[in-house]
């Protein structure tokens, strides 16, 4: 994907991310939460639905270009938030 996303494409991604968040935000903090495979499956479905783009990443002395899911930064941020809630719930 080498062109900017259209407004309706961005809105669609954000709607999917909101549904993902609402689905998992509270239950990950429950004792003995054992549905991480389902969380990851949902996250992967979102990433697969919107294709990939080429990104430049620094590895060593020079940048390399590799494919990354368009939604990967958002999905990974939400997964980090869910994981943090899960750890906090386990501490309580």
PDB file of N, CA and C in Angstrom:
ATOM      1  N   UNK A   1       0.857  -1.163   0.000  1.00  0.00           N
ATOM      2  CA  UNK A   1       0.000   0.000   0.000  1.00  0.00           C
ATOM      3  C   UNK A   1       0.900   1.222   0.000  1.00  0.00           C
ATOM      4  N   UNK A   2       0.928   1.916  -1.102  1.00  0.00           N
ATOM      5  CA  UNK A   2       1.812   3.062  -1.246  1.00  0.00           C
ATOM      6  C   UNK A   2       1.086   4.390  -1.299  1.00  0.00           C
ATOM      7  N   UNK A   3      -0.220   4.363  -1.164  1.00  0.00           N
ATOM      8  CA  UNK A   3      -0.974   5.612  -1.233  1.00  0.00           C
ATOM      9  C   UNK A   3      -1.642   5.865   0.114  1.00  0.00           C
ATOM     10  N   UNK A   4      -1.942   7.121   0.414  1.00  0.00           N
ATOM     11  CA  UNK A   4      -2.616   7.417   1.680  1.00  0.00           C
ATOM     12  C   UNK A   4      -3.993   6.754   1.735  1.00  0.00           C
ATOM     13  N   UNK A   5      -4.399   6.397   2.919  1.00  0.00           N
ATOM     14  CA  UNK A   5      -5.724   5.815   3.109  1.00  0.00           C
ATOM     15  C   UNK A   5      -6.795   6.881   2.941  1.00  0.00           C
ATOM     16  N   UNK A   6      -7.933   6.477   2.429  1.00  0.00           N
ATOM     17  CA  UNK A   6      -9.080   7.383   2.317  1.00  0.00           C
ATOM     18  C   UNK A   6      -9.745   7.489   3.686  1.00  0.00           C
ATOM     19  N   UNK A   7     -10.554   8.527   3.876  1.00  0.00           N
ATOM     20  CA  UNK A   7     -11.224   8.746   5.162  1.00  0.00           C
ATOM     21  C   UNK A   7     -12.040   7.538   5.605  1.00  0.00           C
ATOM     22  N   UNK A   8     -12.781   6.927   4.670  1.00  0.00           N
ATOM     23  CA  UNK A   8     -13.603   5.790   5.054  1.00  0.00           C
ATOM     24  C   UNK A   8     -12.749   4.576   5.421  1.00  0.00           C
ATOM     25  N   UNK A   9     -11.570   4.441   4.840  1.00  0.00           N
ATOM     26  CA  UNK A   9     -10.669   3.346   5.217  1.00  0.00           C
ATOM     27  C   UNK A   9     -10.132   3.544   6.635  1.00  0.00           C
ATOM     28  N   UNK A  10      -9.741   4.767   6.940  1.00  0.00           N
ATOM     29  CA  UNK A  10      -9.261   5.079   8.295  1.00  0.00           C
ATOM     30  C   UNK A  10     -10.386   4.859   9.304  1.00  0.00           C
ATOM     31  N   UNK A  11     -11.587   5.330   8.977  1.00  0.00           N
ATOM     32  CA  UNK A  11     -12.730   5.155   9.873  1.00  0.00           C
ATOM     33  C   UNK A  11     -13.014   3.666  10.102  1.00  0.00           C
ATOM     34  N   UNK A  12     -12.904   2.865   9.054  1.00  0.00           N
ATOM     35  CA  UNK A  12     -13.121   1.422   9.191  1.00  0.00           C
ATOM     36  C   UNK A  12     -12.113   0.774  10.120  1.00  0.00           C
ATOM     37  N   UNK A  13     -10.847   1.163   9.986  1.00  0.00           N
ATOM     38  CA  UNK A  13      -9.805   0.624  10.866  1.00  0.00           C
ATOM     39  C   UNK A  13     -10.076   1.014  12.311  1.00  0.00           C
ATOM     40  N   UNK A  14     -10.390   2.285  12.534  1.00  0.00           N
ATOM     41  CA  UNK A  14     -10.642   2.752  13.901  1.00  0.00           C
ATOM     42  C   UNK A  14     -11.877   2.083  14.506  1.00  0.00           C
ATOM     43  N   UNK A  15     -12.884   1.828  13.696  1.00  0.00           N
ATOM     44  CA  UNK A  15     -14.075   1.126  14.181  1.00  0.00           C
ATOM     45  C   UNK A  15     -13.713  -0.297  14.600  1.00  0.00           C
ATOM     46  N   UNK A  16     -12.904  -0.975  13.781  1.00  0.00           N
ATOM     47  CA  UNK A  16     -12.471  -2.330  14.143  1.00  0.00           C
ATOM     48  C   UNK A  16     -11.658  -2.323  15.430  1.00  0.00           C
ATOM     49  N   UNK A  17     -10.765  -1.334  15.570  1.00  0.00           N
ATOM     50  CA  UNK A  17      -9.945  -1.255  16.776  1.00  0.00           C
ATOM     51  C   UNK A  17     -10.806  -0.989  18.001  1.00  0.00           C
ATOM     52  N   UNK A  18     -11.832  -0.155  17.854  1.00  0.00           N
ATOM     53  CA  UNK A  18     -12.716   0.123  18.981  1.00  0.00           C
ATOM     54  C   UNK A  18     -13.476  -1.138  19.394  1.00  0.00           C
ATOM     55  N   UNK A  19     -13.969  -1.886  18.422  1.00  0.00           N
ATOM     56  CA  UNK A  19     -14.674  -3.135  18.743  1.00  0.00           C
ATOM     57  C   UNK A  19     -13.746  -4.129  19.440  1.00  0.00           C
ATOM     58  N   UNK A  20     -12.508  -4.222  18.949  1.00  0.00           N
ATOM     59  CA  UNK A  20     -11.502  -5.097  19.559  1.00  0.00           C
ATOM     60  C   UNK A  20     -11.278  -4.689  21.013  1.00  0.00           C
ATOM     61  N   UNK A  21     -11.096  -3.388  21.253  1.00  0.00           N
ATOM     62  CA  UNK A  21     -10.853  -2.885  22.605  1.00  0.00           C
ATOM     63  C   UNK A  21     -12.032  -3.178  23.529  1.00  0.00           C
ATOM     64  N   UNK A  22     -13.229  -2.866  23.057  1.00  0.00           N
ATOM     65  CA  UNK A  22     -14.417  -3.078  23.891  1.00  0.00           C
ATOM     66  C   UNK A  22     -14.596  -4.561  24.215  1.00  0.00           C
ATOM     67  N   UNK A  23     -14.302  -5.418  23.268  1.00  0.00           N
ATOM     68  CA  UNK A  23     -14.449  -6.863  23.478  1.00  0.00           C
ATOM     69  C   UNK A  23     -13.516  -7.379  24.575  1.00  0.00           C
ATOM     70  N   UNK A  24     -12.273  -6.897  24.612  1.00  0.00           N
ATOM     71  CA  UNK A  24     -11.269  -7.494  25.489  1.00  0.00           C
ATOM     72  C   UNK A  24     -10.850  -6.646  26.674  1.00  0.00           C
ATOM     73  N   UNK A  25     -11.188  -5.371  26.734  1.00  0.00           N
ATOM     74  CA  UNK A  25     -10.616  -4.450  27.722  1.00  0.00           C
ATOM     75  C   UNK A  25     -10.845  -4.849  29.172  1.00  0.00           C
ATOM     76  N   UNK A  26     -11.998  -5.390  29.493  1.00  0.00           N
ATOM     77  CA  UNK A  26     -12.292  -5.705  30.889  1.00  0.00           C
ATOM     78  C   UNK A  26     -11.942  -7.137  31.271  1.00  0.00           C
ATOM     79  N   UNK A  27     -12.098  -8.057  30.355  1.00  0.00           N
ATOM     80  CA  UNK A  27     -11.926  -9.466  30.727  1.00  0.00           C
ATOM     81  C   UNK A  27     -10.460  -9.878  30.894  1.00  0.00           C
ATOM     82  N   UNK A  28      -9.500  -9.149  30.312  1.00  0.00           N
ATOM     83  CA  UNK A  28      -8.100  -9.559  30.466  1.00  0.00           C
ATOM     84  C   UNK A  28      -7.614  -9.424  31.904  1.00  0.00           C
ATOM     85  N   UNK A  29      -8.253  -8.597  32.704  1.00  0.00           N
ATOM     86  CA  UNK A  29      -7.845  -8.409  34.094  1.00  0.00           C
ATOM     87  C   UNK A  29      -8.456  -9.451  35.028  1.00  0.00           C
ATOM     88  N   UNK A  30      -9.328 -10.295  34.495  1.00  0.00           N
ATOM     89  CA  UNK A  30      -9.950 -11.329  35.330  1.00  0.00           C
ATOM     90  C   UNK A  30      -8.925 -12.360  35.764  1.00  0.00           C
ATOM     91  N   UNK A  31      -9.157 -12.943  36.935  1.00  0.00           N
ATOM     92  CA  UNK A  31      -8.294 -14.025  37.391  1.00  0.00           C
ATOM     93  C   UNK A  31      -8.335 -15.170  36.391  1.00  0.00           C
ATOM     94  N   UNK A  32      -7.198 -15.775  36.160  1.00  0.00           N
ATOM     95  CA  UNK A  32      -7.082 -16.948  35.291  1.00  0.00           C
ATOM     96  C   UNK A  32      -7.558 -16.697  33.865  1.00  0.00           C
ATOM     97  N   UNK A  33      -7.360 -15.490  33.342  1.00  0.00           N
ATOM     98  CA  UNK A  33      -7.727 -15.213  31.951  1.00  0.00           C
ATOM     99  C   UNK A  33      -6.887 -16.112  31.050  1.00  0.00           C
ATOM    100  N   UNK A  34      -7.559 -16.910  30.237  1.00  0.00           N
ATOM    101  CA  UNK A  34      -6.833 -17.891  29.410  1.00  0.00           C
ATOM    102  C   UNK A  34      -7.216 -17.827  27.935  1.00  0.00           C
ATOM    103  N   UNK A  35      -7.630 -16.659  27.483  1.00  0.00           N
ATOM    104  CA  UNK A  35      -8.070 -16.528  26.096  1.00  0.00           C
ATOM    105  C   UNK A  35      -7.118 -15.675  25.257  1.00  0.00           C
ATOM    106  N   UNK A  36      -5.831 -15.668  25.606  1.00  0.00           N
ATOM    107  CA  UNK A  36      -4.883 -14.869  24.849  1.00  0.00           C
ATOM    108  C   UNK A  36      -4.785 -15.321  23.401  1.00  0.00           C
ATOM    109  N   UNK A  37      -4.973 -16.613  23.145  1.00  0.00           N
ATOM    110  CA  UNK A  37      -4.955 -17.087  21.756  1.00  0.00           C
ATOM    111  C   UNK A  37      -6.065 -16.406  20.952  1.00  0.00           C
ATOM    112  N   UNK A  38      -7.219 -16.224  21.555  1.00  0.00           N
ATOM    113  CA  UNK A  38      -8.337 -15.557  20.883  1.00  0.00           C
ATOM    114  C   UNK A  38      -8.056 -14.072  20.686  1.00  0.00           C
ATOM    115  N   UNK A  39      -7.422 -13.442  21.662  1.00  0.00           N
ATOM    116  CA  UNK A  39      -7.053 -12.028  21.544  1.00  0.00           C
ATOM    117  C   UNK A  39      -6.103 -11.849  20.359  1.00  0.00           C
ATOM    118  N   UNK A  40      -5.085 -12.697  20.295  1.00  0.00           N
ATOM    119  CA  UNK A  40      -4.091 -12.609  19.224  1.00  0.00           C
ATOM    120  C   UNK A  40      -4.726 -12.924  17.875  1.00  0.00           C
ATOM    121  N   UNK A  41      -5.626 -13.889  17.841  1.00  0.00           N
ATOM    122  CA  UNK A  41      -6.324 -14.214  16.596  1.00  0.00           C
ATOM    123  C   UNK A  41      -7.122 -13.011  16.091  1.00  0.00           C
ATOM    124  N   UNK A  42      -7.840 -12.347  16.990  1.00  0.00           N
ATOM    125  CA  UNK A  42      -8.596 -11.151  16.612  1.00  0.00           C
ATOM    126  C   UNK A  42      -7.660 -10.052  16.100  1.00  0.00           C
ATOM    127  N   UNK A  43      -6.536  -9.868  16.791  1.00  0.00           N
ATOM    128  CA  UNK A  43      -5.564  -8.853  16.391  1.00  0.00           C
ATOM    129  C   UNK A  43      -5.002  -9.175  15.000  1.00  0.00           C
ATOM    130  N   UNK A  44      -4.671 -10.426  14.758  1.00  0.00           N
ATOM    131  CA  UNK A  44      -4.136 -10.827  13.454  1.00  0.00           C
ATOM    132  C   UNK A  44      -5.159 -10.626  12.343  1.00  0.00           C
ATOM    133  N   UNK A  45      -6.426 -10.873  12.632  1.00  0.00           N
ATOM    134  CA  UNK A  45      -7.464 -10.661  11.622  1.00  0.00           C
ATOM    135  C   UNK A  45      -7.541  -9.193  11.210  1.00  0.00           C
ATOM    136  N   UNK A  46      -7.405  -8.304  12.179  1.00  0.00           N
ATOM    137  CA  UNK A  46      -7.416  -6.869  11.865  1.00  0.00           C
ATOM    138  C   UNK A  46      -6.214  -6.525  10.991  1.00  0.00           C
ATOM    139  N   UNK A  47      -5.045  -7.038  11.346  1.00  0.00           N
ATOM    140  CA  UNK A  47      -3.846  -6.722  10.572  1.00  0.00           C
ATOM    141  C   UNK A  47      -3.919  -7.292   9.160  1.00  0.00           C
ATOM    142  N   UNK A  48      -4.446  -8.485   9.018  1.00  0.00           N
ATOM    143  CA  UNK A  48      -4.539  -9.114   7.701  1.00  0.00           C
ATOM    144  C   UNK A  48      -5.572  -8.421   6.810  1.00  0.00           C
ATOM    145  N   UNK A  49      -6.580  -7.819   7.405  1.00  0.00           N
ATOM    146  CA  UNK A  49      -7.671  -7.219   6.633  1.00  0.00           C
ATOM    147  C   UNK A  49      -7.260  -5.964   5.863  1.00  0.00           C
ATOM    148  N   UNK A  50      -6.180  -5.325   6.265  1.00  0.00           N
ATOM    149  CA  UNK A  50      -5.849  -4.025   5.694  1.00  0.00           C
ATOM    150  C   UNK A  50      -4.537  -3.991   4.930  1.00  0.00           C
ATOM    151  N   UNK A  51      -3.967  -5.136   4.669  1.00  0.00           N
ATOM    152  CA  UNK A  51      -2.771  -5.194   3.844  1.00  0.00           C
ATOM    153  C   UNK A  51      -1.515  -4.743   4.552  1.00  0.00           C
ATOM    154  N   UNK A  52      -0.456  -4.608   3.755  1.00  0.00           N
ATOM    155  CA  UNK A  52       0.854  -4.249   4.288  1.00  0.00           C
ATOM    156  C   UNK A  52       1.389  -3.019   3.574  1.00  0.00           C
ATOM    157  N   UNK A  53       2.413  -2.446   4.158  1.00  0.00           N
ATOM    158  CA  UNK A  53       3.119  -1.322   3.552  1.00  0.00           C
ATOM    159  C   UNK A  53       4.603  -1.546   3.790  1.00  0.00           C
ATOM    160  N   UNK A  54       5.399  -0.888   3.025  1.00  0.00           N
ATOM    161  CA  UNK A  54       6.840  -0.969   3.209  1.00  0.00           C
ATOM    162  C   UNK A  54       7.256   0.107   4.208  1.00  0.00           C
ATOM    163  N   UNK A  55       8.037  -0.294   5.203  1.00  0.00           N
ATOM    164  CA  UNK A  55       8.523   0.649   6.203  1.00  0.00           C
ATOM    165  C   UNK A  55      10.040   0.530   6.300  1.00  0.00           C
ATOM    166  N   UNK A  56      10.663   1.617   6.662  1.00  0.00           N
ATOM    167  CA  UNK A  56      12.102   1.623   6.844  1.00  0.00           C
ATOM    168  C   UNK A  56      12.396   1.462   8.328  1.00  0.00           C
ATOM    169  N   UNK A  57      13.249   0.500   8.650  1.00  0.00           N
ATOM    170  CA  UNK A  57      13.631   0.256  10.041  1.00  0.00           C
ATOM    171  C   UNK A  57      15.144   0.232  10.133  1.00  0.00           C
ATOM    172  N   UNK A  58      15.643   0.797  11.211  1.00  0.00           N
ATOM    173  CA  UNK A  58      17.090   0.804  11.417  1.00  0.00           C
ATOM    174  C   UNK A  58      17.499  -0.455  12.145  1.00  0.00           C
ATOM    175  N   UNK A  59      18.354  -1.220  11.497  1.00  0.00           N
ATOM    176  CA  UNK A  59      18.927  -2.416  12.110  1.00  0.00           C
ATOM    177  C   UNK A  59      20.411  -2.382  11.800  1.00  0.00           C
ATOM    178  N   UNK A  60      21.196  -2.037  12.784  1.00  0.00           N
ATOM    179  CA  UNK A  60      22.623  -1.897  12.531  1.00  0.00           C
ATOM    180  C   UNK A  60      22.935  -0.522  11.976  1.00  0.00           C
ATOM    181  N   UNK A  61      23.967  -0.433  11.155  1.00  0.00           N
ATOM    182  CA  UNK A  61      24.427   0.879  10.689  1.00  0.00           C
ATOM    183  C   UNK A  61      23.585   1.507   9.576  1.00  0.00           C
ATOM    184  N   UNK A  62      22.692   0.740   8.969  1.00  0.00           N
ATOM    185  CA  UNK A  62      21.908   1.317   7.873  1.00  0.00           C
ATOM    186  C   UNK A  62      20.457   0.826   7.931  1.00  0.00           C
ATOM    187  N   UNK A  63      19.556   1.612   7.326  1.00  0.00           N
ATOM    188  CA  UNK A  63      18.144   1.213   7.363  1.00  0.00           C
ATOM    189  C   UNK A  63      17.864   0.053   6.404  1.00  0.00           C
ATOM    190  N   UNK A  64      16.868  -0.732   6.766  1.00  0.00           N
ATOM    191  CA  UNK A  64      16.375  -1.787   5.884  1.00  0.00           C
ATOM    192  C   UNK A  64      14.899  -1.532   5.656  1.00  0.00           C
ATOM    193  N   UNK A  65      14.388  -2.001   4.537  1.00  0.00           N
ATOM    194  CA  UNK A  65      12.984  -1.848   4.228  1.00  0.00           C
ATOM    195  C   UNK A  65      12.319  -3.208   4.341  1.00  0.00           C
ATOM    196  N   UNK A  66      11.199  -3.249   5.032  1.00  0.00           N
ATOM    197  CA  UNK A  66      10.463  -4.503   5.168  1.00  0.00           C
ATOM    198  C   UNK A  66       8.970  -4.235   5.201  1.00  0.00           C
ATOM    199  N   UNK A  67       8.201  -5.297   4.972  1.00  0.00           N
ATOM    200  CA  UNK A  67       6.745  -5.168   5.008  1.00  0.00           C
ATOM    201  C   UNK A  67       6.252  -5.159   6.444  1.00  0.00           C
ATOM    202  N   UNK A  68       5.225  -4.362   6.679  1.00  0.00           N
ATOM    203  CA  UNK A  68       4.575  -4.315   7.985  1.00  0.00           C
ATOM    204  C   UNK A  68       3.088  -4.115   7.734  1.00  0.00           C
ATOM    205  N   UNK A  69       2.263  -4.765   8.521  1.00  0.00           N
ATOM    206  CA  UNK A  69       0.820  -4.567   8.399  1.00  0.00           C
ATOM    207  C   UNK A  69       0.498  -3.090   8.613  1.00  0.00           C
ATOM    208  N   UNK A  70      -0.395  -2.559   7.812  1.00  0.00           N
ATOM    209  CA  UNK A  70      -0.787  -1.156   7.908  1.00  0.00           C
ATOM    210  C   UNK A  70      -1.245  -0.822   9.325  1.00  0.00           C
ATOM    211  N   UNK A  71      -1.974  -1.732   9.931  1.00  0.00           N
ATOM    212  CA  UNK A  71      -2.535  -1.483  11.265  1.00  0.00           C
ATOM    213  C   UNK A  71      -1.624  -1.948  12.399  1.00  0.00           C
ATOM    214  N   UNK A  72      -0.446  -2.455  12.100  1.00  0.00           N
ATOM    215  CA  UNK A  72       0.426  -3.012  13.138  1.00  0.00           C
ATOM    216  C   UNK A  72       0.716  -2.048  14.289  1.00  0.00           C
ATOM    217  N   UNK A  73       1.055  -0.783  14.035  1.00  0.00           N
ATOM    218  CA  UNK A  73       1.326   0.098  15.178  1.00  0.00           C
ATOM    219  C   UNK A  73       0.119   0.241  16.121  1.00  0.00           C
ATOM    220  N   UNK A  74      -1.071   0.384  15.566  1.00  0.00           N
ATOM    221  CA  UNK A  74      -2.275   0.494  16.410  1.00  0.00           C
ATOM    222  C   UNK A  74      -2.552  -0.806  17.154  1.00  0.00           C
ATOM    223  N   UNK A  75      -2.523  -1.904  16.430  1.00  0.00           N
ATOM    224  CA  UNK A  75      -2.824  -3.197  17.043  1.00  0.00           C
ATOM    225  C   UNK A  75      -1.835  -3.498  18.162  1.00  0.00           C
ATOM    226  N   UNK A  76      -0.561  -3.253  17.913  1.00  0.00           N
ATOM    227  CA  UNK A  76       0.447  -3.524  18.938  1.00  0.00           C
ATOM    228  C   UNK A  76       0.270  -2.634  20.161  1.00  0.00           C
ATOM    229  N   UNK A  77      -0.127  -1.380  19.947  1.00  0.00           N
ATOM    230  CA  UNK A  77      -0.372  -0.503  21.089  1.00  0.00           C
ATOM    231  C   UNK A  77      -1.532  -1.033  21.936  1.00  0.00           C
ATOM    232  N   UNK A  78      -2.616  -1.434  21.279  1.00  0.00           N
ATOM    233  CA  UNK A  78      -3.754  -1.982  22.018  1.00  0.00           C
ATOM    234  C   UNK A  78      -3.374  -3.276  22.740  1.00  0.00           C
ATOM    235  N   UNK A  79      -2.585  -4.131  22.101  1.00  0.00           N
ATOM    236  CA  UNK A  79      -2.137  -5.357  22.767  1.00  0.00           C
ATOM    237  C   UNK A  79      -1.288  -5.032  23.993  1.00  0.00           C
ATOM    238  N   UNK A  80      -0.424  -4.021  23.896  1.00  0.00           N
ATOM    239  CA  UNK A  80       0.369  -3.590  25.057  1.00  0.00           C
ATOM    240  C   UNK A  80      -0.535  -3.144  26.194  1.00  0.00           C
ATOM    241  N   UNK A  81      -1.586  -2.393  25.867  1.00  0.00           N
ATOM    242  CA  UNK A  81      -2.525  -1.926  26.888  1.00  0.00           C
ATOM    243  C   UNK A  81      -3.240  -3.101  27.552  1.00  0.00           C
ATOM    244  N   UNK A  82      -3.668  -4.069  26.753  1.00  0.00           N
ATOM    245  CA  UNK A  82      -4.347  -5.250  27.312  1.00  0.00           C
ATOM    246  C   UNK A  82      -3.408  -6.043  28.207  1.00  0.00           C
ATOM    247  N   UNK A  83      -2.170  -6.200  27.782  1.00  0.00           N
ATOM    248  CA  UNK A  83      -1.199  -6.931  28.585  1.00  0.00           C
ATOM    249  C   UNK A  83      -0.939  -6.224  29.914  1.00  0.00           C
ATOM    250  N   UNK A  84      -0.843  -4.902  29.871  1.00  0.00           N
ATOM    251  CA  UNK A  84      -0.633  -4.132  31.104  1.00  0.00           C
ATOM    252  C   UNK A  84      -1.822  -4.302  32.055  1.00  0.00           C
ATOM    253  N   UNK A  85      -3.024  -4.286  31.517  1.00  0.00           N
ATOM    254  CA  UNK A  85      -4.210  -4.500  32.361  1.00  0.00           C
ATOM    255  C   UNK A  85      -4.208  -5.901  32.960  1.00  0.00           C
ATOM    256  N   UNK A  86      -3.770  -6.859  32.178  1.00  0.00           N
ATOM    257  CA  UNK A  86      -3.718  -8.228  32.661  1.00  0.00           C
ATOM    258  C   UNK A  86      -2.719  -8.354  33.814  1.00  0.00           C
ATOM    259  N   UNK A  87      -1.550  -7.750  33.648  1.00  0.00           N
ATOM    260  CA  UNK A  87      -0.540  -7.794  34.728  1.00  0.00           C
ATOM    261  C   UNK A  87      -1.045  -7.084  35.976  1.00  0.00           C
ATOM    262  N   UNK A  88      -1.669  -5.937  35.793  1.00  0.00           N
ATOM    263  CA  UNK A  88      -2.197  -5.185  36.941  1.00  0.00           C
ATOM    264  C   UNK A  88      -3.267  -6.000  37.658  1.00  0.00           C
ATOM    265  N   UNK A  89      -4.141  -6.675  36.882  1.00  0.00           N
ATOM    266  CA  UNK A  89      -5.183  -7.500  37.480  1.00  0.00           C
ATOM    267  C   UNK A  89      -4.598  -8.673  38.254  1.00  0.00           C
ATOM    268  N   UNK A  90      -3.507  -9.231  37.763  1.00  0.00           N
ATOM    269  CA  UNK A  90      -2.867 -10.357  38.450  1.00  0.00           C
ATOM    270  C   UNK A  90      -2.223  -9.924  39.751  1.00  0.00           C
ATOM    271  N   UNK A  91      -1.780  -8.657  39.823  1.00  0.00           N
ATOM    272  CA  UNK A  91      -1.133  -8.135  41.039  1.00  0.00           C
ATOM    273  C   UNK A  91      -2.143  -7.857  42.140  1.00  0.00           C
ATOM    274  N   UNK A  92      -3.378  -7.557  41.758  1.00  0.00           N
ATOM    275  CA  UNK A  92      -4.389  -7.167  42.754  1.00  0.00           C
ATOM    276  C   UNK A  92      -4.964  -8.342  43.479  1.00  0.00           C
TER     277      UNK A  92
END
